[in-house]
Amino acid sequence: NPRPYVWINATDIYNGTPFLFVRPQFSGFCSNLAEYPI
């Protein structure tokens, strides 16, 4: 039920970039966001 669309933001400390708990980010390293605990 994706409304509202939610971004939870962390920091990738190796790359010094934002890390986003969204499907595109997890798909980028072939991981399953749906089963990850909020």
ModelCIF file with pLDDT and N, C-alpha, C, O atoms, coordinates in Angstrom:
data_MODEL
#
_entry.id   MODEL 
#
_entity.id                         1 
_entity.type                       polymer 
_entity.pdbx_number_of_molecules   1 
#
_entity_poly.entity_id                      1 
_entity_poly.type                           'polypeptide(L)' 
_entity_poly.nstd_linkage                   no 
_entity_poly.nstd_monomer                   no 
_entity_poly.pdbx_seq_one_letter_code       NPRPYVWINATDIYNGTPFLFVRPQFSGFCSNLAEYPI 
_entity_poly.pdbx_seq_one_letter_code_can   NPRPYVWINATDIYNGTPFLFVRPQFSGFCSNLAEYPI 
_entity_poly.pdbx_strand_id                 A 
#
loop_
_entity_poly_seq.entity_id 
_entity_poly_seq.num 
_entity_poly_seq.mon_id 
_entity_poly_seq.hetero 
1 1  ASN n 
1 2  PRO n 
1 3  ARG n 
1 4  PRO n 
1 5  TYR n 
1 6  VAL n 
1 7  TRP n 
1 8  ILE n 
1 9  ASN n 
1 10 ALA n 
1 11 THR n 
1 12 ASP n 
1 13 ILE n 
1 14 TYR n 
1 15 ASN n 
1 16 GLY n 
1 17 THR n 
1 18 PRO n 
1 19 PHE n 
1 20 LEU n 
1 21 PHE n 
1 22 VAL n 
1 23 ARG n 
1 24 PRO n 
1 25 GLN n 
1 26 PHE n 
1 27 SER n 
1 28 GLY n 
1 29 PHE n 
1 30 CYS n 
1 31 SER n 
1 32 ASN n 
1 33 LEU n 
1 34 ALA n 
1 35 GLU n 
1 36 TYR n 
1 37 PRO n 
1 38 ILE n 
#
_struct_asym.id          A 
_struct_asym.entity_id   1 
#
loop_
_ma_qa_metric.id 
_ma_qa_metric.mode 
_ma_qa_metric.name 
_ma_qa_metric.software_group_id 
_ma_qa_metric.type 
1 global pLDDT . pLDDT 
2 local  pLDDT . pLDDT 
#
_ma_qa_metric_global.metric_id      1 
_ma_qa_metric_global.metric_value   92.37 
_ma_qa_metric_global.model_id       1 
_ma_qa_metric_global.ordinal_id     1 
#
loop_
_ma_qa_metric_local.label_asym_id 
_ma_qa_metric_local.label_comp_id 
_ma_qa_metric_local.label_seq_id 
_ma_qa_metric_local.metric_id 
_ma_qa_metric_local.metric_value 
_ma_qa_metric_local.model_id 
_ma_qa_metric_local.ordinal_id 
A ASN 1  2 81.00 1 1  
A PRO 2  2 76.00 1 2  
A ARG 3  2 85.00 1 3  
A PRO 4  2 92.00 1 4  
A TYR 5  2 92.00 1 5  
A VAL 6  2 94.00 1 6  
A TRP 7  2 95.00 1 7  
A ILE 8  2 97.00 1 8  
A ASN 9  2 96.00 1 9  
A ALA 10 2 96.00 1 10 
A THR 11 2 96.00 1 11 
A ASP 12 2 96.00 1 12 
A ILE 13 2 93.00 1 13 
A TYR 14 2 93.00 1 14 
A ASN 15 2 94.00 1 15 
A GLY 16 2 92.00 1 16 
A THR 17 2 93.00 1 17 
A PRO 18 2 94.00 1 18 
A PHE 19 2 96.00 1 19 
A LEU 20 2 95.00 1 20 
A PHE 21 2 96.00 1 21 
A VAL 22 2 92.00 1 22 
A ARG 23 2 89.00 1 23 
A PRO 24 2 85.00 1 24 
A GLN 25 2 90.00 1 25 
A PHE 26 2 92.00 1 26 
A SER 27 2 87.00 1 27 
A GLY 28 2 87.00 1 28 
A PHE 29 2 91.00 1 29 
A CYS 30 2 92.00 1 30 
A SER 31 2 94.00 1 31 
A ASN 32 2 93.00 1 32 
A LEU 33 2 94.00 1 33 
A ALA 34 2 94.00 1 34 
A GLU 35 2 96.00 1 35 
A TYR 36 2 97.00 1 36 
A PRO 37 2 97.00 1 37 
A ILE 38 2 98.00 1 38 
#
loop_
_atom_site.group_PDB 
_atom_site.id 
_atom_site.type_symbol 
_atom_site.label_atom_id 
_atom_site.label_alt_id 
_atom_site.label_comp_id 
_atom_site.label_asym_id 
_atom_site.label_entity_id 
_atom_site.label_seq_id 
_atom_site.pdbx_PDB_ins_code 
_atom_site.Cartn_x 
_atom_site.Cartn_y 
_atom_site.Cartn_z 
_atom_site.occupancy 
_atom_site.B_iso_or_equiv 
_atom_site.pdbx_formal_charge 
_atom_site.auth_seq_id 
_atom_site.auth_comp_id 
_atom_site.auth_asym_id 
_atom_site.auth_atom_id 
_atom_site.pdbx_PDB_model_num 
ATOM 1   N N  . ASN A 1 1  ? 0.866  -1.182 0.000  1.00 81.00 ? 1  ASN A N  1 
ATOM 2   C CA . ASN A 1 1  ? 0.000  0.000  0.000  1.00 81.00 ? 1  ASN A CA 1 
ATOM 3   C C  . ASN A 1 1  ? 0.900  1.229  0.000  1.00 81.00 ? 1  ASN A C  1 
ATOM 4   O O  . ASN A 1 1  ? 1.097  1.866  1.034  1.00 81.00 ? 1  ASN A O  1 
ATOM 5   N N  . PRO A 1 2  ? 1.452  1.559  -1.187 1.00 76.00 ? 2  PRO A N  1 
ATOM 6   C CA . PRO A 1 2  ? 2.590  2.485  -1.234 1.00 76.00 ? 2  PRO A CA 1 
ATOM 7   C C  . PRO A 1 2  ? 2.260  3.969  -1.186 1.00 76.00 ? 2  PRO A C  1 
ATOM 8   O O  . PRO A 1 2  ? 3.107  4.782  -1.555 1.00 76.00 ? 2  PRO A O  1 
ATOM 9   N N  . ARG A 1 3  ? 1.097  4.349  -0.758 1.00 85.00 ? 3  ARG A N  1 
ATOM 10  C CA . ARG A 1 3  ? 0.851  5.774  -0.562 1.00 85.00 ? 3  ARG A CA 1 
ATOM 11  C C  . ARG A 1 3  ? 0.663  6.043  0.916  1.00 85.00 ? 3  ARG A C  1 
ATOM 12  O O  . ARG A 1 3  ? -0.267 5.497  1.510  1.00 85.00 ? 3  ARG A O  1 
ATOM 13  N N  . PRO A 1 4  ? 1.497  6.855  1.539  1.00 92.00 ? 4  PRO A N  1 
ATOM 14  C CA . PRO A 1 4  ? 2.556  7.634  0.904  1.00 92.00 ? 4  PRO A CA 1 
ATOM 15  C C  . PRO A 1 4  ? 3.780  6.790  0.554  1.00 92.00 ? 4  PRO A C  1 
ATOM 16  O O  . PRO A 1 4  ? 4.058  5.773  1.190  1.00 92.00 ? 4  PRO A O  1 
ATOM 17  N N  . TYR A 1 5  ? 4.497  7.235  -0.467 1.00 92.00 ? 5  TYR A N  1 
ATOM 18  C CA . TYR A 1 5  ? 5.776  6.644  -0.824 1.00 92.00 ? 5  TYR A CA 1 
ATOM 19  C C  . TYR A 1 5  ? 6.788  7.113  0.218  1.00 92.00 ? 5  TYR A C  1 
ATOM 20  O O  . TYR A 1 5  ? 6.920  8.312  0.462  1.00 92.00 ? 5  TYR A O  1 
ATOM 21  N N  . VAL A 1 6  ? 7.509  6.160  0.839  1.00 94.00 ? 6  VAL A N  1 
ATOM 22  C CA . VAL A 1 6  ? 8.362  6.480  1.986  1.00 94.00 ? 6  VAL A CA 1 
ATOM 23  C C  . VAL A 1 6  ? 9.833  6.259  1.646  1.00 94.00 ? 6  VAL A C  1 
ATOM 24  O O  . VAL A 1 6  ? 10.214 5.207  1.132  1.00 94.00 ? 6  VAL A O  1 
ATOM 25  N N  . TRP A 1 7  ? 10.651 7.266  1.942  1.00 95.00 ? 7  TRP A N  1 
ATOM 26  C CA . TRP A 1 7  ? 12.106 7.116  1.874  1.00 95.00 ? 7  TRP A CA 1 
ATOM 27  C C  . TRP A 1 7  ? 12.655 7.120  3.301  1.00 95.00 ? 7  TRP A C  1 
ATOM 28  O O  . TRP A 1 7  ? 12.441 8.079  4.043  1.00 95.00 ? 7  TRP A O  1 
ATOM 29  N N  . ILE A 1 8  ? 13.360 6.056  3.687  1.00 97.00 ? 8  ILE A N  1 
ATOM 30  C CA . ILE A 1 8  ? 14.139 6.037  4.924  1.00 97.00 ? 8  ILE A CA 1 
ATOM 31  C C  . ILE A 1 8  ? 15.598 6.203  4.513  1.00 97.00 ? 8  ILE A C  1 
ATOM 32  O O  . ILE A 1 8  ? 16.099 5.447  3.680  1.00 97.00 ? 8  ILE A O  1 
ATOM 33  N N  . ASN A 1 9  ? 16.281 7.190  5.092  1.00 96.00 ? 9  ASN A N  1 
ATOM 34  C CA . ASN A 1 9  ? 17.610 7.578  4.636  1.00 96.00 ? 9  ASN A CA 1 
ATOM 35  C C  . ASN A 1 9  ? 18.698 7.194  5.625  1.00 96.00 ? 9  ASN A C  1 
ATOM 36  O O  . ASN A 1 9  ? 18.598 7.501  6.813  1.00 96.00 ? 9  ASN A O  1 
ATOM 37  N N  . ALA A 1 10 ? 19.737 6.525  5.139  1.00 96.00 ? 10 ALA A N  1 
ATOM 38  C CA . ALA A 1 10 ? 20.943 6.251  5.915  1.00 96.00 ? 10 ALA A CA 1 
ATOM 39  C C  . ALA A 1 10 ? 22.142 6.748  5.112  1.00 96.00 ? 10 ALA A C  1 
ATOM 40  O O  . ALA A 1 10 ? 21.982 7.315  4.031  1.00 96.00 ? 10 ALA A O  1 
ATOM 41  N N  . THR A 1 11 ? 23.338 6.533  5.644  1.00 96.00 ? 11 THR A N  1 
ATOM 42  C CA . THR A 1 11 ? 24.564 6.951  4.963  1.00 96.00 ? 11 THR A CA 1 
ATOM 43  C C  . THR A 1 11 ? 25.455 5.748  4.701  1.00 96.00 ? 11 THR A C  1 
ATOM 44  O O  . THR A 1 11 ? 25.790 5.005  5.624  1.00 96.00 ? 11 THR A O  1 
ATOM 45  N N  . ASP A 1 12 ? 25.837 5.555  3.449  1.00 96.00 ? 12 ASP A N  1 
ATOM 46  C CA . ASP A 1 12 ? 26.856 4.579  3.086  1.00 96.00 ? 12 ASP A CA 1 
ATOM 47  C C  . ASP A 1 12 ? 28.196 5.216  3.421  1.00 96.00 ? 12 ASP A C  1 
ATOM 48  O O  . ASP A 1 12 ? 28.659 6.102  2.703  1.00 96.00 ? 12 ASP A O  1 
ATOM 49  N N  . ILE A 1 13 ? 28.828 4.766  4.521  1.00 93.00 ? 13 ILE A N  1 
ATOM 50  C CA . ILE A 1 13 ? 30.013 5.466  5.015  1.00 93.00 ? 13 ILE A CA 1 
ATOM 51  C C  . ILE A 1 13 ? 31.262 5.160  4.187  1.00 93.00 ? 13 ILE A C  1 
ATOM 52  O O  . ILE A 1 13 ? 32.244 5.895  4.275  1.00 93.00 ? 13 ILE A O  1 
ATOM 53  N N  . TYR A 1 14 ? 31.247 4.098  3.389  1.00 93.00 ? 14 TYR A N  1 
ATOM 54  C CA . TYR A 1 14 ? 32.395 3.815  2.526  1.00 93.00 ? 14 TYR A CA 1 
ATOM 55  C C  . TYR A 1 14 ? 32.401 4.749  1.324  1.00 93.00 ? 14 TYR A C  1 
ATOM 56  O O  . TYR A 1 14 ? 33.438 5.315  0.979  1.00 93.00 ? 14 TYR A O  1 
ATOM 57  N N  . ASN A 1 15 ? 31.248 4.911  0.690  1.00 94.00 ? 15 ASN A N  1 
ATOM 58  C CA . ASN A 1 15 ? 31.142 5.763  -0.492 1.00 94.00 ? 15 ASN A CA 1 
ATOM 59  C C  . ASN A 1 15 ? 30.810 7.209  -0.163 1.00 94.00 ? 15 ASN A C  1 
ATOM 60  O O  . ASN A 1 15 ? 30.933 8.088  -1.016 1.00 94.00 ? 15 ASN A O  1 
ATOM 61  N N  . GLY A 1 16 ? 30.382 7.461  1.096  1.00 92.00 ? 16 GLY A N  1 
ATOM 62  C CA . GLY A 1 16 ? 30.010 8.821  1.479  1.00 92.00 ? 16 GLY A CA 1 
ATOM 63  C C  . GLY A 1 16 ? 28.795 9.333  0.742  1.00 92.00 ? 16 GLY A C  1 
ATOM 64  O O  . GLY A 1 16 ? 28.727 10.508 0.381  1.00 92.00 ? 16 GLY A O  1 
ATOM 65  N N  . THR A 1 17 ? 27.826 8.446  0.516  1.00 93.00 ? 17 THR A N  1 
ATOM 66  C CA . THR A 1 17 ? 26.626 8.788  -0.250 1.00 93.00 ? 17 THR A CA 1 
ATOM 67  C C  . THR A 1 17 ? 25.377 8.405  0.534  1.00 93.00 ? 17 THR A C  1 
ATOM 68  O O  . THR A 1 17 ? 25.453 7.610  1.470  1.00 93.00 ? 17 THR A O  1 
ATOM 69  N N  . PRO A 1 18 ? 24.219 8.968  0.157  1.00 94.00 ? 18 PRO A N  1 
ATOM 70  C CA . PRO A 1 18 ? 22.970 8.525  0.784  1.00 94.00 ? 18 PRO A CA 1 
ATOM 71  C C  . PRO A 1 18 ? 22.690 7.073  0.423  1.00 94.00 ? 18 PRO A C  1 
ATOM 72  O O  . PRO A 1 18 ? 23.024 6.613  -0.668 1.00 94.00 ? 18 PRO A O  1 
ATOM 73  N N  . PHE A 1 19 ? 22.074 6.365  1.356  1.00 96.00 ? 19 PHE A N  1 
ATOM 74  C CA . PHE A 1 19 ? 21.556 5.025  1.096  1.00 96.00 ? 19 PHE A CA 1 
ATOM 75  C C  . PHE A 1 19 ? 20.067 5.074  1.377  1.00 96.00 ? 19 PHE A C  1 
ATOM 76  O O  . PHE A 1 19 ? 19.645 5.502  2.451  1.00 96.00 ? 19 PHE A O  1 
ATOM 77  N N  . LEU A 1 20 ? 19.270 4.635  0.411  1.00 95.00 ? 20 LEU A N  1 
ATOM 78  C CA . LEU A 1 20 ? 17.815 4.765  0.487  1.00 95.00 ? 20 LEU A CA 1 
ATOM 79  C C  . LEU A 1 20 ? 17.166 3.392  0.609  1.00 95.00 ? 20 LEU A C  1 
ATOM 80  O O  . LEU A 1 20 ? 17.445 2.498  -0.190 1.00 95.00 ? 20 LEU A O  1 
ATOM 81  N N  . PHE A 1 21 ? 16.311 3.226  1.596  1.00 96.00 ? 21 PHE A N  1 
ATOM 82  C CA . PHE A 1 21 ? 15.592 1.963  1.753  1.00 96.00 ? 21 PHE A CA 1 
ATOM 83  C C  . PHE A 1 21 ? 14.360 1.973  0.857  1.00 96.00 ? 21 PHE A C  1 
ATOM 84  O O  . PHE A 1 21 ? 13.224 2.104  1.313  1.00 96.00 ? 21 PHE A O  1 
ATOM 85  N N  . VAL A 1 22 ? 14.632 1.830  -0.435 1.00 92.00 ? 22 VAL A N  1 
ATOM 86  C CA . VAL A 1 22 ? 13.585 1.771  -1.451 1.00 92.00 ? 22 VAL A CA 1 
ATOM 87  C C  . VAL A 1 22 ? 13.938 0.636  -2.412 1.00 92.00 ? 22 VAL A C  1 
ATOM 88  O O  . VAL A 1 22 ? 15.075 0.166  -2.443 1.00 92.00 ? 22 VAL A O  1 
ATOM 89  N N  . ARG A 1 23 ? 12.960 0.208  -3.185 1.00 89.00 ? 23 ARG A N  1 
ATOM 90  C CA . ARG A 1 23 ? 13.154 -0.948 -4.063 1.00 89.00 ? 23 ARG A CA 1 
ATOM 91  C C  . ARG A 1 23 ? 14.274 -0.751 -5.082 1.00 89.00 ? 23 ARG A C  1 
ATOM 92  O O  . ARG A 1 23 ? 15.059 -1.679 -5.281 1.00 89.00 ? 23 ARG A O  1 
ATOM 93  N N  . PRO A 1 24 ? 14.392 0.408  -5.738 1.00 85.00 ? 24 PRO A N  1 
ATOM 94  C CA . PRO A 1 24 ? 15.503 0.565  -6.683 1.00 85.00 ? 24 PRO A CA 1 
ATOM 95  C C  . PRO A 1 24 ? 16.876 0.381  -6.043 1.00 85.00 ? 24 PRO A C  1 
ATOM 96  O O  . PRO A 1 24 ? 17.776 -0.188 -6.662 1.00 85.00 ? 24 PRO A O  1 
ATOM 97  N N  . GLN A 1 25 ? 17.044 0.857  -4.810 1.00 90.00 ? 25 GLN A N  1 
ATOM 98  C CA . GLN A 1 25 ? 18.339 0.719  -4.149 1.00 90.00 ? 25 GLN A CA 1 
ATOM 99  C C  . GLN A 1 25 ? 18.654 -0.751 -3.880 1.00 90.00 ? 25 GLN A C  1 
ATOM 100 O O  . GLN A 1 25 ? 19.755 -1.214 -4.176 1.00 90.00 ? 25 GLN A O  1 
ATOM 101 N N  . PHE A 1 26 ? 17.684 -1.489 -3.315 1.00 92.00 ? 26 PHE A N  1 
ATOM 102 C CA . PHE A 1 26 ? 17.912 -2.900 -3.000 1.00 92.00 ? 26 PHE A CA 1 
ATOM 103 C C  . PHE A 1 26 ? 18.054 -3.743 -4.265 1.00 92.00 ? 26 PHE A C  1 
ATOM 104 O O  . PHE A 1 26 ? 18.845 -4.686 -4.294 1.00 92.00 ? 26 PHE A O  1 
ATOM 105 N N  . SER A 1 27 ? 17.301 -3.414 -5.303 1.00 87.00 ? 27 SER A N  1 
ATOM 106 C CA . SER A 1 27 ? 17.440 -4.146 -6.559 1.00 87.00 ? 27 SER A CA 1 
ATOM 107 C C  . SER A 1 27 ? 18.842 -3.984 -7.125 1.00 87.00 ? 27 SER A C  1 
ATOM 108 O O  . SER A 1 27 ? 19.344 -4.858 -7.832 1.00 87.00 ? 27 SER A O  1 
ATOM 109 N N  . GLY A 1 28 ? 19.470 -2.853 -6.807 1.00 87.00 ? 28 GLY A N  1 
ATOM 110 C CA . GLY A 1 28 ? 20.810 -2.587 -7.311 1.00 87.00 ? 28 GLY A CA 1 
ATOM 111 C C  . GLY A 1 28 ? 21.835 -3.590 -6.835 1.00 87.00 ? 28 GLY A C  1 
ATOM 112 O O  . GLY A 1 28 ? 22.821 -3.822 -7.535 1.00 87.00 ? 28 GLY A O  1 
ATOM 113 N N  . PHE A 1 29 ? 21.644 -4.209 -5.646 1.00 91.00 ? 29 PHE A N  1 
ATOM 114 C CA . PHE A 1 29 ? 22.583 -5.241 -5.213 1.00 91.00 ? 29 PHE A CA 1 
ATOM 115 C C  . PHE A 1 29 ? 21.874 -6.582 -5.013 1.00 91.00 ? 29 PHE A C  1 
ATOM 116 O O  . PHE A 1 29 ? 22.285 -7.419 -4.209 1.00 91.00 ? 29 PHE A O  1 
ATOM 117 N N  . CYS A 1 30 ? 20.777 -6.753 -5.788 1.00 92.00 ? 30 CYS A N  1 
ATOM 118 C CA . CYS A 1 30 ? 20.090 -8.044 -5.896 1.00 92.00 ? 30 CYS A CA 1 
ATOM 119 C C  . CYS A 1 30 ? 19.583 -8.551 -4.553 1.00 92.00 ? 30 CYS A C  1 
ATOM 120 O O  . CYS A 1 30 ? 19.686 -9.740 -4.249 1.00 92.00 ? 30 CYS A O  1 
ATOM 121 N N  . SER A 1 31 ? 19.037 -7.647 -3.757 1.00 94.00 ? 31 SER A N  1 
ATOM 122 C CA . SER A 1 31 ? 18.503 -8.009 -2.455 1.00 94.00 ? 31 SER A CA 1 
ATOM 123 C C  . SER A 1 31 ? 17.006 -7.761 -2.420 1.00 94.00 ? 31 SER A C  1 
ATOM 124 O O  . SER A 1 31 ? 16.470 -6.999 -3.225 1.00 94.00 ? 31 SER A O  1 
ATOM 125 N N  . ASN A 1 32 ? 16.338 -8.413 -1.480 1.00 93.00 ? 32 ASN A N  1 
ATOM 126 C CA . ASN A 1 32 ? 14.883 -8.383 -1.383 1.00 93.00 ? 32 ASN A CA 1 
ATOM 127 C C  . ASN A 1 32 ? 14.459 -7.378 -0.311 1.00 93.00 ? 32 ASN A C  1 
ATOM 128 O O  . ASN A 1 32 ? 14.570 -7.665 0.881  1.00 93.00 ? 32 ASN A O  1 
ATOM 129 N N  . LEU A 1 33 ? 13.979 -6.214 -0.720 1.00 94.00 ? 33 LEU A N  1 
ATOM 130 C CA . LEU A 1 33 ? 13.540 -5.203 0.236  1.00 94.00 ? 33 LEU A CA 1 
ATOM 131 C C  . LEU A 1 33 ? 12.286 -5.649 0.978  1.00 94.00 ? 33 LEU A C  1 
ATOM 132 O O  . LEU A 1 33 ? 12.133 -5.349 2.162  1.00 94.00 ? 33 LEU A O  1 
ATOM 133 N N  . ALA A 1 34 ? 11.381 -6.366 0.295  1.00 94.00 ? 34 ALA A N  1 
ATOM 134 C CA . ALA A 1 34 ? 10.077 -6.706 0.875  1.00 94.00 ? 34 ALA A CA 1 
ATOM 135 C C  . ALA A 1 34 ? 10.218 -7.441 2.211  1.00 94.00 ? 34 ALA A C  1 
ATOM 136 O O  . ALA A 1 34 ? 9.382  -7.266 3.097  1.00 94.00 ? 34 ALA A O  1 
ATOM 137 N N  . GLU A 1 35 ? 11.253 -8.251 2.366  1.00 96.00 ? 35 GLU A N  1 
ATOM 138 C CA . GLU A 1 35 ? 11.414 -9.041 3.586  1.00 96.00 ? 35 GLU A CA 1 
ATOM 139 C C  . GLU A 1 35 ? 12.299 -8.357 4.618  1.00 96.00 ? 35 GLU A C  1 
ATOM 140 O O  . GLU A 1 35 ? 12.584 -8.936 5.667  1.00 96.00 ? 35 GLU A O  1 
ATOM 141 N N  . TYR A 1 36 ? 12.732 -7.151 4.342  1.00 97.00 ? 36 TYR A N  1 
ATOM 142 C CA . TYR A 1 36 ? 13.621 -6.464 5.282  1.00 97.00 ? 36 TYR A CA 1 
ATOM 143 C C  . TYR A 1 36 ? 12.776 -5.757 6.347  1.00 97.00 ? 36 TYR A C  1 
ATOM 144 O O  . TYR A 1 36 ? 11.788 -5.108 6.004  1.00 97.00 ? 36 TYR A O  1 
ATOM 145 N N  . PRO A 1 37 ? 13.140 -5.868 7.636  1.00 97.00 ? 37 PRO A N  1 
ATOM 146 C CA . PRO A 1 37 ? 12.338 -5.250 8.701  1.00 97.00 ? 37 PRO A CA 1 
ATOM 147 C C  . PRO A 1 37 ? 12.399 -3.726 8.655  1.00 97.00 ? 37 PRO A C  1 
ATOM 148 O O  . PRO A 1 37 ? 13.468 -3.148 8.460  1.00 97.00 ? 37 PRO A O  1 
ATOM 149 N N  . ILE A 1 38 ? 11.266 -3.090 8.832  1.00 98.00 ? 38 ILE A N  1 
ATOM 150 C CA . ILE A 1 38 ? 11.231 -1.631 8.889  1.00 98.00 ? 38 ILE A CA 1 
ATOM 151 C C  . ILE A 1 38 ? 12.061 -1.132 10.061 1.00 98.00 ? 38 ILE A C  1 
ATOM 152 O O  . ILE A 1 38 ? 12.157 0.075  10.280 1.00 98.00 ? 38 ILE A O  1 
#
